[in-house]
Amino acid sequence: MIIAVTSTVLFEVADTPTTMRELPTLRVEPVDVWRRRLEFALMKVTLENTDKIVELETATGRVAARVWEGTTANGIACHAYITRIAVAEGDDATEFARDLAEQRKPSAAVAAIPARLII
């Protein structure tokens, strides 16, 4: 479900963009109020790929994931298990592929992550 902000009214958008209905239970507030709330709620993370690969065991099987390390906009260290990453169709992926091929050594904390994790 997507919440869309228009110039004056908040809408709930179903799976198809053509089915849009006004939410009667929500207060209608000026769009700048909602934009400020959405900006506050967003989390921005900068990640770098490492050469560490782990195997994630899920309910549907096993999948390889590369461990990426980074920080939030507020400087909090974090890591992510990335199983798939792609460039939008039609975009030039040359630079993306070159950057993706460069991998750094993981930090000691990430290097200590077991090679097999159960999710």
C-alpha atoms as a PDB file:
ATOM      1  CA  MET A   1       0.000   0.000   0.000  1.00  0.00           C
ATOM      2  CA  ILE A   2       1.328   3.435  -0.907  1.00  0.00           C
ATOM      3  CA  ILE A   3       0.308   6.686   0.706  1.00  0.00           C
ATOM      4  CA  ALA A   4       0.390   9.466  -1.873  1.00  0.00           C
ATOM      5  CA  VAL A   5       0.497  13.140  -0.962  1.00  0.00           C
ATOM      6  CA  THR A   6      -1.196  15.505  -3.376  1.00  0.00           C
ATOM      7  CA  SER A   7      -1.490  19.256  -3.110  1.00  0.00           C
ATOM      8  CA  THR A   8      -4.138  19.158  -0.401  1.00  0.00           C
ATOM      9  CA  VAL A   9      -5.355  15.624   0.310  1.00  0.00           C
ATOM     10  CA  LEU A  10      -3.749  12.389   1.450  1.00  0.00           C
ATOM     11  CA  PHE A  11      -4.683   9.341  -0.649  1.00  0.00           C
ATOM     12  CA  GLU A  12      -4.290   5.595  -0.271  1.00  0.00           C
ATOM     13  CA  VAL A  13      -3.181   3.954  -3.492  1.00  0.00           C
ATOM     14  CA  ALA A  14      -4.038   0.295  -4.064  1.00  0.00           C
ATOM     15  CA  ASP A  15      -1.944  -2.045  -6.191  1.00  0.00           C
ATOM     16  CA  THR A  16      -2.918  -0.287  -9.403  1.00  0.00           C
ATOM     17  CA  PRO A  17      -2.429   3.451  -9.775  1.00  0.00           C
ATOM     18  CA  THR A  18      -5.879   3.801 -11.305  1.00  0.00           C
ATOM     19  CA  THR A  19      -7.652   2.794  -8.090  1.00  0.00           C
ATOM     20  CA  MET A  20      -7.227   5.773  -5.817  1.00  0.00           C
ATOM     21  CA  ARG A  21      -9.571   6.610  -2.988  1.00  0.00           C
ATOM     22  CA  GLU A  22      -9.565   9.266  -0.338  1.00  0.00           C
ATOM     23  CA  LEU A  23      -8.903   8.024   3.185  1.00  0.00           C
ATOM     24  CA  PRO A  24     -11.851   9.161   5.311  1.00  0.00           C
ATOM     25  CA  THR A  25     -10.194   8.276   8.631  1.00  0.00           C
ATOM     26  CA  LEU A  26      -7.126  10.486   8.233  1.00  0.00           C
ATOM     27  CA  ARG A  27      -6.985  14.184   8.931  1.00  0.00           C
ATOM     28  CA  VAL A  28      -6.421  16.287   5.870  1.00  0.00           C
ATOM     29  CA  GLU A  29      -3.496  18.592   6.534  1.00  0.00           C
ATOM     30  CA  PRO A  30      -1.492  20.882   4.297  1.00  0.00           C
ATOM     31  CA  VAL A  31       0.927  18.998   2.078  1.00  0.00           C
ATOM     32  CA  ASP A  32       3.999  20.659   3.634  1.00  0.00           C
ATOM     33  CA  VAL A  33       3.081  19.132   7.026  1.00  0.00           C
ATOM     34  CA  TRP A  34       3.028  15.643   5.523  1.00  0.00           C
ATOM     35  CA  ARG A  35       6.240  16.220   3.565  1.00  0.00           C
ATOM     36  CA  ARG A  36       8.020  17.213   6.775  1.00  0.00           C
ATOM     37  CA  ARG A  37       6.718  14.071   8.479  1.00  0.00           C
ATOM     38  CA  LEU A  38       7.838  11.865   5.586  1.00  0.00           C
ATOM     39  CA  GLU A  39      11.295  13.458   5.456  1.00  0.00           C
ATOM     40  CA  PHE A  40      11.684  12.882   9.179  1.00  0.00           C
ATOM     41  CA  ALA A  41      10.724   9.230   8.774  1.00  0.00           C
ATOM     42  CA  LEU A  42      13.173   8.494   5.959  1.00  0.00           C
ATOM     43  CA  MET A  43      16.388   6.687   6.825  1.00  0.00           C
ATOM     44  CA  LYS A  44      19.377   7.343   4.619  1.00  0.00           C
ATOM     45  CA  VAL A  45      22.241   4.846   4.617  1.00  0.00           C
ATOM     46  CA  THR A  46      25.490   4.914   2.654  1.00  0.00           C
ATOM     47  CA  LEU A  47      26.799   1.404   1.965  1.00  0.00           C
ATOM     48  CA  GLU A  48      30.028  -0.023   0.552  1.00  0.00           C
ATOM     49  CA  ASN A  49      30.326  -3.578  -0.715  1.00  0.00           C
ATOM     50  CA  THR A  50      32.813  -5.909   0.963  1.00  0.00           C
ATOM     51  CA  ASP A  51      34.325  -9.174  -0.220  1.00  0.00           C
ATOM     52  CA  LYS A  52      32.440 -11.110   2.501  1.00  0.00           C
ATOM     53  CA  ILE A  53      29.730 -13.457   1.257  1.00  0.00           C
ATOM     54  CA  VAL A  54      27.448 -15.398   3.578  1.00  0.00           C
ATOM     55  CA  GLU A  55      24.771 -17.995   2.987  1.00  0.00           C
ATOM     56  CA  LEU A  56      21.315 -17.129   4.281  1.00  0.00           C
ATOM     57  CA  GLU A  57      19.023 -20.013   5.079  1.00  0.00           C
ATOM     58  CA  THR A  58      15.397 -18.977   4.654  1.00  0.00           C
ATOM     59  CA  ALA A  59      12.104 -20.828   4.777  1.00  0.00           C
ATOM     60  CA  THR A  60      12.283 -21.296   1.006  1.00  0.00           C
ATOM     61  CA  GLY A  61      15.925 -22.331   0.711  1.00  0.00           C
ATOM     62  CA  ARG A  62      19.451 -20.993   0.789  1.00  0.00           C
ATOM     63  CA  VAL A  63      20.691 -17.851  -0.912  1.00  0.00           C
ATOM     64  CA  ALA A  64      24.100 -16.197  -1.086  1.00  0.00           C
ATOM     65  CA  ALA A  65      24.347 -12.609   0.135  1.00  0.00           C
ATOM     66  CA  ARG A  66      27.186 -10.116   0.033  1.00  0.00           C
ATOM     67  CA  VAL A  67      27.679  -8.160   3.247  1.00  0.00           C
ATOM     68  CA  TRP A  68      27.754  -4.406   2.714  1.00  0.00           C
ATOM     69  CA  GLU A  69      28.913  -2.006   5.437  1.00  0.00           C
ATOM     70  CA  GLY A  70      27.977   1.585   5.954  1.00  0.00           C
ATOM     71  CA  THR A  71      26.637   4.343   8.135  1.00  0.00           C
ATOM     72  CA  THR A  72      23.365   6.150   8.521  1.00  0.00           C
ATOM     73  CA  ALA A  73      23.100   9.881   7.907  1.00  0.00           C
ATOM     74  CA  ASN A  74      23.575  10.291  11.671  1.00  0.00           C
ATOM     75  CA  GLY A  75      26.819   8.279  11.675  1.00  0.00           C
ATOM     76  CA  ILE A  76      25.527   4.997  13.095  1.00  0.00           C
ATOM     77  CA  ALA A  77      27.468   2.006  11.756  1.00  0.00           C
ATOM     78  CA  CYS A  78      25.383  -0.735  10.137  1.00  0.00           C
ATOM     79  CA  HIS A  79      25.621  -3.602   7.683  1.00  0.00           C
ATOM     80  CA  ALA A  80      23.240  -5.162   5.171  1.00  0.00           C
ATOM     81  CA  TYR A  81      22.933  -8.530   3.493  1.00  0.00           C
ATOM     82  CA  ILE A  82      22.387  -7.859  -0.209  1.00  0.00           C
ATOM     83  CA  THR A  83      21.191 -10.788  -2.322  1.00  0.00           C
ATOM     84  CA  ARG A  84      20.341  -8.899  -5.528  1.00  0.00           C
ATOM     85  CA  ILE A  85      21.196  -5.482  -6.927  1.00  0.00           C
ATOM     86  CA  ALA A  86      20.554  -4.112 -10.405  1.00  0.00           C
ATOM     87  CA  VAL A  87      20.497  -1.014 -12.543  1.00  0.00           C
ATOM     88  CA  ALA A  88      17.206   0.175 -14.025  1.00  0.00           C
ATOM     89  CA  GLU A  89      16.516  -1.227 -17.460  1.00  0.00           C
ATOM     90  CA  GLY A  90      17.758   1.102 -20.153  1.00  0.00           C
ATOM     91  CA  ASP A  91      20.374   2.801 -17.951  1.00  0.00           C
ATOM     92  CA  ASP A  92      24.081   2.460 -18.753  1.00  0.00           C
ATOM     93  CA  ALA A  93      25.417  -0.071 -16.238  1.00  0.00           C
ATOM     94  CA  THR A  94      29.098   0.207 -17.208  1.00  0.00           C
ATOM     95  CA  GLU A  95      30.210   2.405 -14.309  1.00  0.00           C
ATOM     96  CA  PHE A  96      27.913   0.574 -11.898  1.00  0.00           C
ATOM     97  CA  ALA A  97      29.432  -2.805 -12.849  1.00  0.00           C
ATOM     98  CA  ARG A  98      32.967  -1.419 -12.511  1.00  0.00           C
ATOM     99  CA  ASP A  99      32.223   0.016  -9.055  1.00  0.00           C
ATOM    100  CA  LEU A 100      30.491  -3.198  -7.984  1.00  0.00           C
ATOM    101  CA  ALA A 101      33.570  -5.238  -8.924  1.00  0.00           C
ATOM    102  CA  GLU A 102      35.656  -3.210  -6.458  1.00  0.00           C
ATOM    103  CA  GLN A 103      35.275  -4.669  -2.978  1.00  0.00           C
ATOM    104  CA  ARG A 104      36.952  -3.740   0.257  1.00  0.00           C
ATOM    105  CA  LYS A 105      37.917  -5.963   3.155  1.00  0.00           C
ATOM    106  CA  PRO A 106      35.211  -6.084   5.840  1.00  0.00           C
ATOM    107  CA  SER A 107      35.704  -4.605   9.278  1.00  0.00           C
ATOM    108  CA  ALA A 108      36.610  -6.989  12.104  1.00  0.00           C
ATOM    109  CA  ALA A 109      32.993  -7.024  13.305  1.00  0.00           C
ATOM    110  CA  VAL A 110      31.664  -8.008   9.888  1.00  0.00           C
ATOM    111  CA  ALA A 111      34.485 -10.487   9.278  1.00  0.00           C
ATOM    112  CA  ALA A 112      33.350 -12.290  12.450  1.00  0.00           C
ATOM    113  CA  ILE A 113      29.845 -12.907  11.056  1.00  0.00           C
ATOM    114  CA  PRO A 114      29.408 -16.654  10.499  1.00  0.00           C
ATOM    115  CA  ALA A 115      29.397 -17.820   6.901  1.00  0.00           C
ATOM    116  CA  ARG A 116      25.943 -19.385   7.360  1.00  0.00           C
ATOM    117  CA  LEU A 117      22.982 -17.598   8.909  1.00  0.00           C
ATOM    118  CA  ILE A 118      19.439 -18.780   9.513  1.00  0.00           C
ATOM    119  CA  ILE A 119      16.818 -16.122   8.881  1.00  0.00           C
END
